[in-house]
Amino acid sequence: MEAFLDVLNDAFPTIHTVIFAIGVVSNGGLIAASLKRTPRSLQAYAIMITIGACNDLVSVCTDFFTQQR
């Protein structure tokens, strides 16, 4: 069991970095799409999507910078 935990401890920064990259790319794409491609009829909804994506982007970044090493 200890050997598995040692392997998991060594793999944790890599797993965390991959999840960070996925979060940044997907939220960045969502922000870009909501700012550039939203029709006028859905503009109010796009504002909520953009704010939510920005909030999630900040959360992903702060989680990445506070990961335990």
Protein backbone atom coordinates (compact mmCIF):
# COMPACT_ATOMS: atom_id res chain seq x y z
CA MET A 1 0.00 0.00 0.00
CA GLU A 2 2.85 2.37 0.78
CA ALA A 3 4.40 1.77 -2.63
CA PHE A 4 1.14 2.78 -4.31
CA LEU A 5 1.00 5.96 -2.25
CA ASP A 6 4.59 6.77 -3.21
CA VAL A 7 3.75 6.36 -6.90
CA LEU A 8 0.63 8.49 -6.47
CA ASN A 9 2.67 11.15 -4.66
CA ASP A 10 5.12 11.26 -7.56
CA ALA A 11 2.35 11.41 -10.18
CA PHE A 12 0.30 14.07 -8.40
CA PRO A 13 2.02 17.14 -9.94
CA THR A 14 1.62 15.69 -13.43
CA ILE A 15 -2.06 14.88 -12.90
CA HIS A 16 -2.64 18.33 -11.43
CA THR A 17 -0.91 20.02 -14.37
CA VAL A 18 -2.96 18.09 -16.94
CA ILE A 19 -6.22 19.01 -15.19
CA PHE A 20 -5.05 22.64 -15.00
CA ALA A 21 -4.32 22.71 -18.74
CA ILE A 22 -7.72 21.20 -19.58
CA GLY A 23 -9.45 23.75 -17.33
CA VAL A 24 -7.61 26.74 -18.78
CA VAL A 25 -8.16 25.71 -22.40
CA SER A 26 -11.84 24.88 -21.97
CA ASN A 27 -12.67 28.00 -19.96
CA GLY A 28 -10.64 30.21 -22.30
CA GLY A 29 -12.51 28.76 -25.26
CA LEU A 30 -15.84 29.29 -23.54
CA ILE A 31 -14.99 32.93 -22.78
CA ALA A 32 -13.85 33.54 -26.35
CA ALA A 33 -16.95 31.89 -27.80
CA SER A 34 -19.34 33.76 -25.51
CA LEU A 35 -17.72 37.11 -26.36
CA LYS A 36 -17.36 36.61 -30.12
CA ARG A 37 -20.18 34.32 -31.27
CA THR A 38 -23.22 35.18 -29.15
CA PRO A 39 -26.35 36.33 -31.00
CA ARG A 40 -28.05 39.50 -29.81
CA SER A 41 -31.06 37.58 -28.50
CA LEU A 42 -28.85 35.65 -26.04
CA GLN A 43 -26.61 38.52 -24.92
CA ALA A 44 -27.85 38.51 -21.30
CA TYR A 45 -27.23 34.79 -21.04
CA ALA A 46 -23.73 35.21 -22.54
CA ILE A 47 -22.85 37.64 -19.75
CA MET A 48 -23.69 34.98 -17.16
CA ILE A 49 -21.69 32.36 -19.07
CA THR A 50 -18.69 34.69 -19.31
CA ILE A 51 -18.76 35.56 -15.61
CA GLY A 52 -19.08 31.88 -14.68
CA ALA A 53 -16.19 30.91 -16.95
CA CYS A 54 -14.01 33.72 -15.53
CA ASN A 55 -14.82 32.56 -12.02
CA ASP A 56 -13.92 28.97 -12.91
CA LEU A 57 -10.71 30.13 -14.63
CA VAL A 58 -9.62 31.99 -11.50
CA SER A 59 -10.48 28.93 -9.41
CA VAL A 60 -8.42 26.63 -11.65
CA CYS A 61 -5.44 29.00 -11.55
CA THR A 62 -5.48 29.44 -7.78
CA ASP A 63 -5.83 25.68 -7.32
CA PHE A 64 -2.81 25.11 -9.56
CA PHE A 65 -0.67 27.65 -7.70
CA THR A 66 -1.59 26.28 -4.27
CA GLN A 67 -1.06 22.59 -5.02
CA GLN A 68 1.00 20.79 -2.43
CA ARG A 69 4.39 19.63 -3.59
